[in-house]
Amino acid sequence: MLSNIGVPGLILILVLALIIFGPKKLPEIGRAFGQTLREFKKSTRELTSDVMEEFEDDQNKKTVK
């Protein structure tokens, strides 16, 4: 969906964001978005590692029997 935007659409979105939020608020919004994305990635990694550990434990139990 986002791949269909293109460069002109992206520039338009950035200009609109600059007009709506102003130059002082835009860095704060970007920082908050970056922190949110970082936390989401961290949670995803933790969840994936937990699932993989459970899967490996189940595989080990099956091979021991």
N, C-alpha and C. Protein backbone atom coordinates (compact mmCIF):
# COMPACT_ATOMS: atom_id res chain seq x y z
N MET A 1 0.82 -1.19 0.00
CA MET A 1 0.00 0.00 0.00
C MET A 1 0.87 1.26 0.00
N LEU A 2 1.86 1.31 0.89
CA LEU A 2 2.73 2.48 0.95
C LEU A 2 3.68 2.56 -0.24
N SER A 3 3.91 1.45 -0.91
CA SER A 3 4.82 1.48 -2.05
C SER A 3 4.21 2.21 -3.24
N ASN A 4 2.91 2.42 -3.24
CA ASN A 4 2.24 3.11 -4.34
C ASN A 4 2.23 4.63 -4.17
N ILE A 5 2.74 5.14 -3.06
CA ILE A 5 2.70 6.57 -2.81
C ILE A 5 3.64 7.31 -3.75
N GLY A 6 4.87 6.90 -3.84
CA GLY A 6 5.84 7.57 -4.69
C GLY A 6 6.44 8.79 -4.03
N VAL A 7 7.41 9.37 -4.71
CA VAL A 7 8.12 10.52 -4.17
C VAL A 7 7.22 11.76 -4.08
N PRO A 8 6.46 12.10 -5.12
CA PRO A 8 5.60 13.30 -4.99
C PRO A 8 4.58 13.18 -3.86
N GLY A 9 4.01 12.00 -3.68
CA GLY A 9 3.05 11.81 -2.59
C GLY A 9 3.71 11.93 -1.24
N LEU A 10 4.92 11.40 -1.12
CA LEU A 10 5.65 11.48 0.14
C LEU A 10 6.00 12.94 0.47
N ILE A 11 6.41 13.69 -0.53
CA ILE A 11 6.72 15.11 -0.32
C ILE A 11 5.45 15.86 0.12
N LEU A 12 4.33 15.55 -0.51
CA LEU A 12 3.07 16.19 -0.15
C LEU A 12 2.69 15.88 1.30
N ILE A 13 2.85 14.64 1.72
CA ILE A 13 2.54 14.25 3.10
C ILE A 13 3.45 14.99 4.07
N LEU A 14 4.73 15.08 3.77
CA LEU A 14 5.66 15.78 4.65
C LEU A 14 5.34 17.27 4.74
N VAL A 15 4.99 17.89 3.63
CA VAL A 15 4.62 19.31 3.64
C VAL A 15 3.35 19.53 4.46
N LEU A 16 2.37 18.66 4.28
CA LEU A 16 1.14 18.79 5.07
C LEU A 16 1.41 18.61 6.56
N ALA A 17 2.26 17.65 6.91
CA ALA A 17 2.60 17.45 8.32
C ALA A 17 3.30 18.67 8.88
N LEU A 18 4.18 19.26 8.09
CA LEU A 18 4.88 20.46 8.53
C LEU A 18 3.91 21.62 8.73
N ILE A 19 2.93 21.76 7.85
CA ILE A 19 1.94 22.83 7.97
C ILE A 19 1.04 22.60 9.18
N ILE A 20 0.59 21.36 9.37
CA ILE A 20 -0.35 21.05 10.46
C ILE A 20 0.32 21.14 11.82
N PHE A 21 1.50 20.52 11.96
CA PHE A 21 2.13 20.43 13.29
C PHE A 21 3.15 21.52 13.56
N GLY A 22 3.69 22.12 12.54
CA GLY A 22 4.67 23.18 12.73
C GLY A 22 6.07 22.63 12.87
N PRO A 23 7.05 23.49 12.64
CA PRO A 23 8.44 23.03 12.67
C PRO A 23 8.96 22.66 14.06
N LYS A 24 8.36 23.18 15.10
CA LYS A 24 8.83 22.86 16.46
C LYS A 24 8.28 21.52 16.94
N LYS A 25 7.08 21.19 16.55
CA LYS A 25 6.43 19.98 17.03
C LYS A 25 6.85 18.74 16.22
N LEU A 26 7.25 18.93 14.96
CA LEU A 26 7.56 17.81 14.08
C LEU A 26 8.70 16.92 14.60
N PRO A 27 9.82 17.48 15.11
CA PRO A 27 10.87 16.60 15.66
C PRO A 27 10.40 15.78 16.86
N GLU A 28 9.56 16.36 17.68
CA GLU A 28 9.02 15.63 18.84
C GLU A 28 8.16 14.45 18.38
N ILE A 29 7.35 14.68 17.37
CA ILE A 29 6.51 13.61 16.83
C ILE A 29 7.37 12.52 16.23
N GLY A 30 8.40 12.91 15.50
CA GLY A 30 9.32 11.93 14.92
C GLY A 30 10.03 11.11 15.97
N ARG A 31 10.47 11.76 17.03
CA ARG A 31 11.14 11.08 18.13
C ARG A 31 10.20 10.08 18.81
N ALA A 32 8.98 10.50 19.05
CA ALA A 32 7.99 9.61 19.68
C ALA A 32 7.67 8.43 18.78
N PHE A 33 7.57 8.68 17.48
CA PHE A 33 7.32 7.59 16.53
C PHE A 33 8.49 6.61 16.52
N GLY A 34 9.71 7.13 16.56
CA GLY A 34 10.90 6.28 16.59
C GLY A 34 10.95 5.42 17.84
N GLN A 35 10.63 5.99 18.99
CA GLN A 35 10.61 5.23 20.23
C GLN A 35 9.53 4.16 20.20
N THR A 36 8.38 4.48 19.65
CA THR A 36 7.30 3.51 19.54
C THR A 36 7.70 2.36 18.64
N LEU A 37 8.32 2.67 17.52
CA LEU A 37 8.77 1.64 16.59
C LEU A 37 9.84 0.76 17.23
N ARG A 38 10.76 1.37 17.97
CA ARG A 38 11.82 0.63 18.65
C ARG A 38 11.23 -0.33 19.68
N GLU A 39 10.25 0.13 20.46
CA GLU A 39 9.61 -0.73 21.45
C GLU A 39 8.84 -1.87 20.79
N PHE A 40 8.20 -1.58 19.68
CA PHE A 40 7.47 -2.62 18.94
C PHE A 40 8.43 -3.69 18.45
N LYS A 41 9.56 -3.29 17.88
CA LYS A 41 10.55 -4.26 17.40
C LYS A 41 11.09 -5.09 18.56
N LYS A 42 11.35 -4.44 19.68
CA LYS A 42 11.88 -5.14 20.86
C LYS A 42 10.87 -6.18 21.34
N SER A 43 9.61 -5.80 21.42
CA SER A 43 8.56 -6.72 21.86
C SER A 43 8.41 -7.88 20.89
N THR A 44 8.50 -7.59 19.60
CA THR A 44 8.39 -8.64 18.59
C THR A 44 9.54 -9.62 18.72
N ARG A 45 10.76 -9.11 18.91
CA ARG A 45 11.92 -9.99 19.09
C ARG A 45 11.77 -10.87 20.32
N GLU A 46 11.31 -10.28 21.43
CA GLU A 46 11.14 -11.04 22.66
C GLU A 46 10.07 -12.12 22.49
N LEU A 47 8.98 -11.78 21.86
CA LEU A 47 7.91 -12.75 21.63
C LEU A 47 8.40 -13.88 20.73
N THR A 48 9.13 -13.54 19.67
CA THR A 48 9.65 -14.55 18.76
C THR A 48 10.63 -15.47 19.48
N SER A 49 11.50 -14.90 20.31
CA SER A 49 12.46 -15.74 21.02
C SER A 49 11.75 -16.65 22.03
N ASP A 50 10.71 -16.15 22.68
CA ASP A 50 9.95 -16.98 23.61
C ASP A 50 9.29 -18.15 22.89
N VAL A 51 8.70 -17.88 21.74
CA VAL A 51 8.04 -18.94 20.97
C VAL A 51 9.07 -19.95 20.49
N MET A 52 10.23 -19.48 20.04
CA MET A 52 11.28 -20.39 19.57
C MET A 52 11.80 -21.25 20.72
N GLU A 53 11.94 -20.69 21.90
CA GLU A 53 12.38 -21.47 23.06
C GLU A 53 11.37 -22.56 23.38
N GLU A 54 10.09 -22.23 23.36
CA GLU A 54 9.05 -23.22 23.61
C GLU A 54 9.10 -24.33 22.56
N PHE A 55 9.27 -23.94 21.31
CA PHE A 55 9.33 -24.91 20.23
C PHE A 55 10.53 -25.84 20.40
N GLU A 56 11.70 -25.27 20.74
CA GLU A 56 12.89 -26.08 20.95
C GLU A 56 12.72 -27.01 22.15
N ASP A 57 12.09 -26.52 23.22
CA ASP A 57 11.84 -27.37 24.38
C ASP A 57 10.94 -28.55 24.01
N ASP A 58 9.90 -28.28 23.23
CA ASP A 58 9.00 -29.35 22.78
C ASP A 58 9.74 -30.35 21.91
N GLN A 59 10.61 -29.86 21.04
CA GLN A 59 11.38 -30.76 20.18
C GLN A 59 12.32 -31.62 21.00
N ASN A 60 12.95 -31.02 22.02
CA ASN A 60 13.87 -31.77 22.88
C ASN A 60 13.11 -32.84 23.67
N LYS A 61 11.92 -32.53 24.14
CA LYS A 61 11.11 -33.50 24.90
C LYS A 61 10.72 -34.67 24.01
N LYS A 62 10.41 -34.40 22.75
CA LYS A 62 10.01 -35.46 21.83
C LYS A 62 11.19 -36.37 21.49
N THR A 63 12.40 -35.81 21.38
CA THR A 63 13.56 -36.63 21.03
C THR A 63 14.04 -37.45 22.22
N VAL A 64 13.80 -36.97 23.45
CA VAL A 64 14.23 -37.69 24.65
C VAL A 64 13.36 -38.92 24.87
N LYS A 65 12.07 -38.85 24.53
CA LYS A 65 11.15 -39.95 24.77
C LYS A 65 11.49 -41.08 23.90
